[in-house]
Amino acid sequence: MNIVLFTDQERALGVQTSDPRVEHVRHVLGLADGQWFDAGVINGDRGKAKFALESEGRIQIQFQSMQAVPELYPVDVVVGLSRPQTCRFLLRSLASLGVRSIEFVVTDSGQRSYASSQLWTSGEYLQIVTSAVSQAFETKLPAIRFDRTLSEAAKAWGGDSGVPTAKICLDNYEATTSLGLAIGGETMSACLFIGSERGWSDGERMLIREHGFVMSSLGRRVLRVETAAVAAVSAVLANTFWKTELGTVSSRD
């Protein structure tokens, strides 16, 4: 991890001396208690921290030089529920890229049993996302949902958000434009719908189109879910938000 993340409660009460993050600082980073390391508060500020007083198996955390962290990119991804190993990859990769939310929905071609995986029932998904965000040297976690139907998600994301939003559904069979053209030039946010491992059914395509989403494609090749998701989000960021950030950096030089 490139930054060590703690919750608000841990910031106030400290952590167990056996906590893996304590082990990481002491043995991986090779720092003694009292030495500063990069740290942040989940969904909060980041700066420097050190382990201070230890009492009854808990060690206190002292923070300094805390600074606000930029908001996540206004990109929301809705993806068909897939095999747990595929979902783990999606969680890790999309959280690393900085999307605002990731929602998993059961699709006609997907296996409903995937929803009962320990990935979701044990809270493992949150650990994966937190680890990915810390690796990216950030603190803010994307919102994760897996409690709505495709119809509910399409209705919610298809509504008027008040800002220019690219509403895009990836589909190799009924795409009417490329992803690049679907993004457009005035996009301020984006919502991407990506099917599960066997794609969308005819009924699902109709439902998604009814809520204002444009069927688009990354090209003629049939891609794995995780490949399509990473490629699509990267394309959206490169064509919109990264350009803004690079312009900001250039103006400071």
C-alpha atoms as a PDB file:
ATOM      1  CA  MET A   1       0.000   0.000   0.000  1.00  0.00           C
ATOM      2  CA  ASN A   2       1.242   3.496  -0.866  1.00  0.00           C
ATOM      3  CA  ILE A   3      -0.828   5.206   1.810  1.00  0.00           C
ATOM      4  CA  VAL A   4      -2.120   3.676   5.042  1.00  0.00           C
ATOM      5  CA  LEU A   5      -5.836   4.305   5.551  1.00  0.00           C
ATOM      6  CA  PHE A   6      -7.744   4.448   8.825  1.00  0.00           C
ATOM      7  CA  THR A   7     -11.383   5.024   9.742  1.00  0.00           C
ATOM      8  CA  ASP A   8     -12.591   8.026  11.728  1.00  0.00           C
ATOM      9  CA  GLN A   9     -13.131   5.726  14.693  1.00  0.00           C
ATOM     10  CA  GLU A  10      -9.592   4.363  14.480  1.00  0.00           C
ATOM     11  CA  ARG A  11      -8.251   7.877  14.284  1.00  0.00           C
ATOM     12  CA  ALA A  12      -9.954   8.614  17.603  1.00  0.00           C
ATOM     13  CA  LEU A  13      -9.467   5.299  19.416  1.00  0.00           C
ATOM     14  CA  GLY A  14      -6.329   3.830  17.823  1.00  0.00           C
ATOM     15  CA  VAL A  15      -5.835   0.304  16.461  1.00  0.00           C
ATOM     16  CA  GLN A  16      -4.848  -3.078  17.815  1.00  0.00           C
ATOM     17  CA  THR A  17      -1.103  -3.678  17.970  1.00  0.00           C
ATOM     18  CA  SER A  18      -1.694  -6.853  15.924  1.00  0.00           C
ATOM     19  CA  ASP A  19      -3.400  -4.901  13.114  1.00  0.00           C
ATOM     20  CA  PRO A  20      -1.898  -5.669   9.648  1.00  0.00           C
ATOM     21  CA  ARG A  21      -1.348  -1.949   9.061  1.00  0.00           C
ATOM     22  CA  VAL A  22       0.849  -1.755  12.150  1.00  0.00           C
ATOM     23  CA  GLU A  23       2.798  -4.723  10.832  1.00  0.00           C
ATOM     24  CA  HIS A  24       3.101  -3.028   7.440  1.00  0.00           C
ATOM     25  CA  VAL A  25       4.509   0.185   8.882  1.00  0.00           C
ATOM     26  CA  ARG A  26       6.890  -1.556  11.261  1.00  0.00           C
ATOM     27  CA  HIS A  27       8.148  -4.401   9.113  1.00  0.00           C
ATOM     28  CA  VAL A  28       7.474  -3.546   5.449  1.00  0.00           C
ATOM     29  CA  LEU A  29       8.227   0.169   5.673  1.00  0.00           C
ATOM     30  CA  GLY A  30      10.788  -0.480   8.415  1.00  0.00           C
ATOM     31  CA  LEU A  31       9.645   2.458  10.545  1.00  0.00           C
ATOM     32  CA  ALA A  32       9.786   2.656  14.303  1.00  0.00           C
ATOM     33  CA  ASP A  33       6.930   4.049  16.361  1.00  0.00           C
ATOM     34  CA  GLY A  34       7.231   7.824  16.352  1.00  0.00           C
ATOM     35  CA  GLN A  35       8.370   8.024  12.725  1.00  0.00           C
ATOM     36  CA  TRP A  36       6.036   9.598  10.191  1.00  0.00           C
ATOM     37  CA  PHE A  37       4.426   7.733   7.282  1.00  0.00           C
ATOM     38  CA  ASP A  38       1.869   8.614   4.573  1.00  0.00           C
ATOM     39  CA  ALA A  39      -1.628   8.103   5.928  1.00  0.00           C
ATOM     40  CA  GLY A  40      -5.197   9.187   5.460  1.00  0.00           C
ATOM     41  CA  VAL A  41      -8.721   8.872   6.776  1.00  0.00           C
ATOM     42  CA  ILE A  42     -11.104   6.823   4.651  1.00  0.00           C
ATOM     43  CA  ASN A  43     -13.259   9.232   2.647  1.00  0.00           C
ATOM     44  CA  GLY A  44     -11.415  12.094   4.324  1.00  0.00           C
ATOM     45  CA  ASP A  45      -8.101  13.956   4.363  1.00  0.00           C
ATOM     46  CA  ARG A  46      -4.575  12.636   3.932  1.00  0.00           C
ATOM     47  CA  GLY A  47      -1.202  13.672   5.320  1.00  0.00           C
ATOM     48  CA  LYS A  48       1.317  12.175   7.706  1.00  0.00           C
ATOM     49  CA  ALA A  49       0.798   9.953  10.729  1.00  0.00           C
ATOM     50  CA  LYS A  50       2.814   8.138  13.360  1.00  0.00           C
ATOM     51  CA  PHE A  51       2.124   5.517  15.979  1.00  0.00           C
ATOM     52  CA  ALA A  52       2.311   7.096  19.420  1.00  0.00           C
ATOM     53  CA  LEU A  53       1.247   5.807  22.841  1.00  0.00           C
ATOM     54  CA  GLU A  54       0.419   2.137  23.325  1.00  0.00           C
ATOM     55  CA  SER A  55      -1.983   0.949  26.020  1.00  0.00           C
ATOM     56  CA  GLU A  56      -3.852  -2.298  26.662  1.00  0.00           C
ATOM     57  CA  GLY A  57      -3.121  -3.739  23.258  1.00  0.00           C
ATOM     58  CA  ARG A  58      -4.051  -0.592  21.331  1.00  0.00           C
ATOM     59  CA  ILE A  59      -1.782   1.950  19.743  1.00  0.00           C
ATOM     60  CA  GLN A  60      -2.747   5.572  19.196  1.00  0.00           C
ATOM     61  CA  ILE A  61      -2.346   7.325  15.831  1.00  0.00           C
ATOM     62  CA  GLN A  62      -1.197  10.919  15.597  1.00  0.00           C
ATOM     63  CA  PHE A  63      -1.864  12.843  12.363  1.00  0.00           C
ATOM     64  CA  GLN A  64      -0.356  16.048  11.011  1.00  0.00           C
ATOM     65  CA  SER A  65      -0.258  18.120   7.786  1.00  0.00           C
ATOM     66  CA  MET A  66      -3.681  16.873   6.747  1.00  0.00           C
ATOM     67  CA  GLN A  67      -4.979  18.105   3.403  1.00  0.00           C
ATOM     68  CA  ALA A  68      -8.225  17.663   1.510  1.00  0.00           C
ATOM     69  CA  VAL A  69      -8.358  15.030  -1.237  1.00  0.00           C
ATOM     70  CA  PRO A  70     -10.016  15.692  -4.634  1.00  0.00           C
ATOM     71  CA  GLU A  71     -13.425  14.192  -5.296  1.00  0.00           C
ATOM     72  CA  LEU A  72     -13.739  10.959  -7.234  1.00  0.00           C
ATOM     73  CA  TYR A  73     -14.295  11.224 -10.983  1.00  0.00           C
ATOM     74  CA  PRO A  74     -18.015  11.582 -11.795  1.00  0.00           C
ATOM     75  CA  VAL A  75     -18.125   8.231 -13.573  1.00  0.00           C
ATOM     76  CA  ASP A  76     -20.639   5.600 -12.474  1.00  0.00           C
ATOM     77  CA  VAL A  77     -20.408   1.996 -13.641  1.00  0.00           C
ATOM     78  CA  VAL A  78     -23.277  -0.500 -13.633  1.00  0.00           C
ATOM     79  CA  VAL A  79     -22.116  -3.997 -14.484  1.00  0.00           C
ATOM     80  CA  GLY A  80     -23.814  -7.360 -14.750  1.00  0.00           C
ATOM     81  CA  LEU A  81     -23.059  -9.592 -11.787  1.00  0.00           C
ATOM     82  CA  SER A  82     -20.363 -12.049 -12.852  1.00  0.00           C
ATOM     83  CA  ARG A  83     -18.190 -14.734 -11.305  1.00  0.00           C
ATOM     84  CA  PRO A  84     -16.690 -13.691  -7.964  1.00  0.00           C
ATOM     85  CA  GLN A  85     -13.134 -13.654  -9.346  1.00  0.00           C
ATOM     86  CA  THR A  86     -14.267 -11.360 -12.159  1.00  0.00           C
ATOM     87  CA  CYS A  87     -16.030  -9.052  -9.704  1.00  0.00           C
ATOM     88  CA  ARG A  88     -12.899  -8.910  -7.551  1.00  0.00           C
ATOM     89  CA  PHE A  89     -10.903  -7.748 -10.557  1.00  0.00           C
ATOM     90  CA  LEU A  90     -13.561  -5.166 -11.412  1.00  0.00           C
ATOM     91  CA  LEU A  91     -13.670  -3.809  -7.872  1.00  0.00           C
ATOM     92  CA  ARG A  92      -9.899  -3.527  -7.669  1.00  0.00           C
ATOM     93  CA  SER A  93      -9.398  -1.976 -11.105  1.00  0.00           C
ATOM     94  CA  LEU A  94     -12.311   0.468 -11.108  1.00  0.00           C
ATOM     95  CA  ALA A  95     -11.556   1.658  -7.583  1.00  0.00           C
ATOM     96  CA  SER A  96      -7.950   2.247  -8.650  1.00  0.00           C
ATOM     97  CA  LEU A  97      -9.133   4.325 -11.612  1.00  0.00           C
ATOM     98  CA  GLY A  98     -11.187   6.545  -9.324  1.00  0.00           C
ATOM     99  CA  VAL A  99     -14.786   6.011 -10.450  1.00  0.00           C
ATOM    100  CA  ARG A 100     -17.508   7.442  -8.237  1.00  0.00           C
ATOM    101  CA  SER A 101     -19.610   4.308  -7.936  1.00  0.00           C
ATOM    102  CA  ILE A 102     -19.770   0.654  -8.968  1.00  0.00           C
ATOM    103  CA  GLU A 103     -23.109  -1.140  -9.040  1.00  0.00           C
ATOM    104  CA  PHE A 104     -23.617  -4.844  -9.709  1.00  0.00           C
ATOM    105  CA  VAL A 105     -26.967  -6.097 -11.041  1.00  0.00           C
ATOM    106  CA  VAL A 106     -28.256  -9.570 -11.826  1.00  0.00           C
ATOM    107  CA  THR A 107     -28.810 -10.035 -15.571  1.00  0.00           C
ATOM    108  CA  ASP A 108     -30.794 -12.558 -17.599  1.00  0.00           C
ATOM    109  CA  SER A 109     -27.634 -14.401 -18.663  1.00  0.00           C
ATOM    110  CA  GLY A 110     -25.878 -14.208 -15.304  1.00  0.00           C
ATOM    111  CA  GLN A 111     -25.926 -16.708 -12.462  1.00  0.00           C
ATOM    112  CA  ARG A 112     -28.114 -15.518  -9.572  1.00  0.00           C
ATOM    113  CA  SER A 113     -26.084 -17.675  -7.184  1.00  0.00           C
ATOM    114  CA  TYR A 114     -23.150 -15.276  -7.593  1.00  0.00           C
ATOM    115  CA  ALA A 115     -25.040 -12.824  -5.372  1.00  0.00           C
ATOM    116  CA  SER A 116     -24.597 -15.147  -2.371  1.00  0.00           C
ATOM    117  CA  SER A 117     -20.810 -15.366  -2.737  1.00  0.00           C
ATOM    118  CA  GLN A 118     -18.778 -14.619   0.383  1.00  0.00           C
ATOM    119  CA  LEU A 119     -17.315 -11.722  -1.595  1.00  0.00           C
ATOM    120  CA  TRP A 120     -20.551  -9.893  -0.799  1.00  0.00           C
ATOM    121  CA  THR A 121     -21.760 -11.602   2.379  1.00  0.00           C
ATOM    122  CA  SER A 122     -18.473 -11.322   4.304  1.00  0.00           C
ATOM    123  CA  GLY A 123     -17.656  -7.725   3.385  1.00  0.00           C
ATOM    124  CA  GLU A 124     -14.596  -8.816   1.385  1.00  0.00           C
ATOM    125  CA  TYR A 125     -15.592  -6.388  -1.384  1.00  0.00           C
ATOM    126  CA  LEU A 126     -14.954  -3.443   0.941  1.00  0.00           C
ATOM    127  CA  GLN A 127     -11.471  -4.715   1.822  1.00  0.00           C
ATOM    128  CA  ILE A 128     -10.627  -5.036  -1.878  1.00  0.00           C
ATOM    129  CA  VAL A 129     -11.794  -1.508  -2.650  1.00  0.00           C
ATOM    130  CA  THR A 130      -9.936  -0.030   0.338  1.00  0.00           C
ATOM    131  CA  SER A 131      -6.727  -1.784  -0.664  1.00  0.00           C
ATOM    132  CA  ALA A 132      -7.046  -0.545  -4.256  1.00  0.00           C
ATOM    133  CA  VAL A 133      -7.625   3.045  -3.151  1.00  0.00           C
ATOM    134  CA  SER A 134      -4.646   2.981  -0.798  1.00  0.00           C
ATOM    135  CA  GLN A 135      -2.488   1.623  -3.606  1.00  0.00           C
ATOM    136  CA  ALA A 136      -3.587   4.612  -5.708  1.00  0.00           C
ATOM    137  CA  PHE A 137      -2.477   6.991  -2.912  1.00  0.00           C
ATOM    138  CA  GLU A 138      -6.031   8.203  -2.394  1.00  0.00           C
ATOM    139  CA  THR A 139      -8.544   8.083   0.451  1.00  0.00           C
ATOM    140  CA  LYS A 140     -12.008   8.215  -1.126  1.00  0.00           C
ATOM    141  CA  LEU A 141     -13.820   4.961  -1.822  1.00  0.00           C
ATOM    142  CA  PRO A 142     -16.385   4.518  -4.576  1.00  0.00           C
ATOM    143  CA  ALA A 143     -19.925   3.729  -3.494  1.00  0.00           C
ATOM    144  CA  ILE A 144     -20.664   0.014  -3.971  1.00  0.00           C
ATOM    145  CA  ARG A 145     -24.179  -1.330  -4.556  1.00  0.00           C
ATOM    146  CA  PHE A 146     -25.556  -4.781  -5.309  1.00  0.00           C
ATOM    147  CA  ASP A 147     -29.126  -4.480  -4.049  1.00  0.00           C
ATOM    148  CA  ARG A 148     -31.105  -3.268  -7.095  1.00  0.00           C
ATOM    149  CA  THR A 149     -32.529  -4.913 -10.168  1.00  0.00           C
ATOM    150  CA  LEU A 150     -31.408  -3.850 -13.636  1.00  0.00           C
ATOM    151  CA  SER A 151     -34.745  -2.112 -14.117  1.00  0.00           C
ATOM    152  CA  GLU A 152     -34.323  -0.113 -10.901  1.00  0.00           C
ATOM    153  CA  ALA A 153     -30.751   0.833 -11.772  1.00  0.00           C
ATOM    154  CA  ALA A 154     -31.625   1.871 -15.344  1.00  0.00           C
ATOM    155  CA  LYS A 155     -34.491   4.038 -14.109  1.00  0.00           C
ATOM    156  CA  ALA A 156     -32.309   5.672 -11.445  1.00  0.00           C
ATOM    157  CA  TRP A 157     -29.300   6.371 -13.679  1.00  0.00           C
ATOM    158  CA  GLY A 158     -31.444   7.303 -16.675  1.00  0.00           C
ATOM    159  CA  GLY A 159     -33.001  10.242 -14.840  1.00  0.00           C
ATOM    160  CA  ASP A 160     -32.024  13.876 -15.240  1.00  0.00           C
ATOM    161  CA  SER A 161     -28.920  14.547 -13.120  1.00  0.00           C
ATOM    162  CA  GLY A 162     -28.849  18.246 -13.895  1.00  0.00           C
ATOM    163  CA  VAL A 163     -25.457  18.092 -15.626  1.00  0.00           C
ATOM    164  CA  PRO A 164     -24.468  16.925 -19.141  1.00  0.00           C
ATOM    165  CA  THR A 165     -24.111  13.168 -18.707  1.00  0.00           C
ATOM    166  CA  ALA A 166     -22.983  10.574 -21.218  1.00  0.00           C
ATOM    167  CA  LYS A 167     -25.329   7.593 -20.793  1.00  0.00           C
ATOM    168  CA  ILE A 168     -23.591   4.709 -22.481  1.00  0.00           C
ATOM    169  CA  CYS A 169     -24.302   0.997 -22.727  1.00  0.00           C
ATOM    170  CA  LEU A 170     -21.622  -1.248 -24.183  1.00  0.00           C
ATOM    171  CA  ASP A 171     -23.030  -3.792 -26.598  1.00  0.00           C
ATOM    172  CA  ASN A 172     -21.306  -5.516 -29.510  1.00  0.00           C
ATOM    173  CA  TYR A 173     -24.489  -6.542 -31.296  1.00  0.00           C
ATOM    174  CA  GLU A 174     -26.717  -3.478 -31.405  1.00  0.00           C
ATOM    175  CA  ALA A 175     -24.199  -0.651 -31.027  1.00  0.00           C
ATOM    176  CA  THR A 176     -25.083   2.390 -33.125  1.00  0.00           C
ATOM    177  CA  THR A 177     -21.882   4.338 -32.495  1.00  0.00           C
ATOM    178  CA  SER A 178     -18.386   4.050 -31.081  1.00  0.00           C
ATOM    179  CA  LEU A 179     -17.644   4.700 -27.426  1.00  0.00           C
ATOM    180  CA  GLY A 180     -15.588   7.761 -28.364  1.00  0.00           C
ATOM    181  CA  LEU A 181     -18.490   9.383 -30.227  1.00  0.00           C
ATOM    182  CA  ALA A 182     -20.937   8.451 -27.479  1.00  0.00           C
ATOM    183  CA  ILE A 183     -18.827  10.270 -24.893  1.00  0.00           C
ATOM    184  CA  GLY A 184     -19.195  13.580 -26.744  1.00  0.00           C
ATOM    185  CA  GLY A 185     -17.406  16.839 -26.087  1.00  0.00           C
ATOM    186  CA  GLU A 186     -19.529  18.431 -23.345  1.00  0.00           C
ATOM    187  CA  THR A 187     -19.590  15.536 -20.917  1.00  0.00           C
ATOM    188  CA  MET A 188     -19.430  16.462 -17.223  1.00  0.00           C
ATOM    189  CA  SER A 189     -20.289  13.004 -15.946  1.00  0.00           C
ATOM    190  CA  ALA A 190     -20.758   9.536 -17.373  1.00  0.00           C
ATOM    191  CA  CYS A 191     -22.695   6.394 -16.597  1.00  0.00           C
ATOM    192  CA  LEU A 192     -21.589   3.145 -18.195  1.00  0.00           C
ATOM    193  CA  PHE A 193     -23.716  -0.010 -18.372  1.00  0.00           C
ATOM    194  CA  ILE A 194     -21.688  -3.163 -19.052  1.00  0.00           C
ATOM    195  CA  GLY A 195     -23.239  -6.610 -19.382  1.00  0.00           C
ATOM    196  CA  SER A 196     -22.243  -9.747 -17.525  1.00  0.00           C
ATOM    197  CA  GLU A 197     -20.086 -12.467 -19.044  1.00  0.00           C
ATOM    198  CA  ARG A 198     -22.648 -13.469 -21.692  1.00  0.00           C
ATOM    199  CA  GLY A 199     -23.858  -9.970 -22.483  1.00  0.00           C
ATOM    200  CA  TRP A 200     -27.331  -8.427 -22.565  1.00  0.00           C
ATOM    201  CA  SER A 201     -30.592 -10.108 -23.542  1.00  0.00           C
ATOM    202  CA  ASP A 202     -32.928  -8.491 -26.093  1.00  0.00           C
ATOM    203  CA  GLY A 203     -35.276  -7.418 -23.317  1.00  0.00           C
ATOM    204  CA  GLU A 204     -32.455  -5.850 -21.342  1.00  0.00           C
ATOM    205  CA  ARG A 205     -31.261  -3.878 -24.372  1.00  0.00           C
ATOM    206  CA  MET A 206     -34.763  -2.534 -24.888  1.00  0.00           C
ATOM    207  CA  LEU A 207     -35.079  -1.585 -21.215  1.00  0.00           C
ATOM    208  CA  ILE A 208     -31.739   0.222 -21.162  1.00  0.00           C
ATOM    209  CA  ARG A 209     -32.488   2.134 -24.374  1.00  0.00           C
ATOM    210  CA  GLU A 210     -35.850   3.222 -22.973  1.00  0.00           C
ATOM    211  CA  HIS A 211     -33.996   5.075 -20.232  1.00  0.00           C
ATOM    212  CA  GLY A 212     -31.901   7.126 -22.638  1.00  0.00           C
ATOM    213  CA  PHE A 213     -28.718   5.063 -22.928  1.00  0.00           C
ATOM    214  CA  VAL A 214     -26.820   4.931 -26.222  1.00  0.00           C
ATOM    215  CA  MET A 215     -25.642   1.529 -27.413  1.00  0.00           C
ATOM    216  CA  SER A 216     -21.961   1.827 -28.230  1.00  0.00           C
ATOM    217  CA  SER A 217     -18.960  -0.366 -28.890  1.00  0.00           C
ATOM    218  CA  LEU A 218     -15.227  -0.505 -28.293  1.00  0.00           C
ATOM    219  CA  GLY A 219     -14.731  -2.303 -31.614  1.00  0.00           C
ATOM    220  CA  ARG A 220     -15.472  -5.583 -33.297  1.00  0.00           C
ATOM    221  CA  ARG A 221     -13.713  -7.795 -30.757  1.00  0.00           C
ATOM    222  CA  VAL A 222     -15.686  -9.557 -28.031  1.00  0.00           C
ATOM    223  CA  LEU A 223     -14.027  -8.615 -24.743  1.00  0.00           C
ATOM    224  CA  ARG A 224     -14.105 -10.064 -21.264  1.00  0.00           C
ATOM    225  CA  VAL A 225     -16.224  -8.072 -18.816  1.00  0.00           C
ATOM    226  CA  GLU A 226     -13.222  -6.850 -16.857  1.00  0.00           C
ATOM    227  CA  THR A 227     -11.323  -5.858 -20.013  1.00  0.00           C
ATOM    228  CA  ALA A 228     -14.287  -3.940 -21.407  1.00  0.00           C
ATOM    229  CA  ALA A 229     -14.892  -2.146 -18.108  1.00  0.00           C
ATOM    230  CA  VAL A 230     -11.300  -0.982 -17.661  1.00  0.00           C
ATOM    231  CA  ALA A 231     -10.972   0.033 -21.321  1.00  0.00           C
ATOM    232  CA  ALA A 232     -14.261   1.950 -21.310  1.00  0.00           C
ATOM    233  CA  VAL A 233     -13.605   3.828 -18.076  1.00  0.00           C
ATOM    234  CA  SER A 234     -10.073   4.670 -19.226  1.00  0.00           C
ATOM    235  CA  ALA A 235     -11.439   6.031 -22.506  1.00  0.00           C
ATOM    236  CA  VAL A 236     -13.999   8.194 -20.706  1.00  0.00           C
ATOM    237  CA  LEU A 237     -11.372   9.576 -18.339  1.00  0.00           C
ATOM    238  CA  ALA A 238      -8.837  10.199 -21.089  1.00  0.00           C
ATOM    239  CA  ASN A 239     -11.384  12.065 -23.207  1.00  0.00           C
ATOM    240  CA  THR A 240     -12.823  14.182 -20.425  1.00  0.00           C
ATOM    241  CA  PHE A 241     -11.507  14.432 -16.886  1.00  0.00           C
ATOM    242  CA  TRP A 242      -7.819  13.642 -17.415  1.00  0.00           C
ATOM    243  CA  LYS A 243      -7.615  16.393 -20.044  1.00  0.00           C
ATOM    244  CA  THR A 244      -8.833  18.880 -17.437  1.00  0.00           C
ATOM    245  CA  GLU A 245      -6.316  17.674 -14.880  1.00  0.00           C
ATOM    246  CA  LEU A 246      -3.441  17.738 -17.344  1.00  0.00           C
ATOM    247  CA  GLY A 247      -4.396  21.282 -18.334  1.00  0.00           C
ATOM    248  CA  THR A 248      -4.379  22.289 -14.681  1.00  0.00           C
ATOM    249  CA  VAL A 249      -0.949  20.772 -14.167  1.00  0.00           C
ATOM    250  CA  SER A 250       0.422  22.448 -17.308  1.00  0.00           C
ATOM    251  CA  SER A 251      -0.832  25.859 -16.171  1.00  0.00           C
ATOM    252  CA  ARG A 252       1.196  25.514 -12.990  1.00  0.00           C
ATOM    253  CA  ASP A 253       4.485  24.788 -14.757  1.00  0.00           C
END
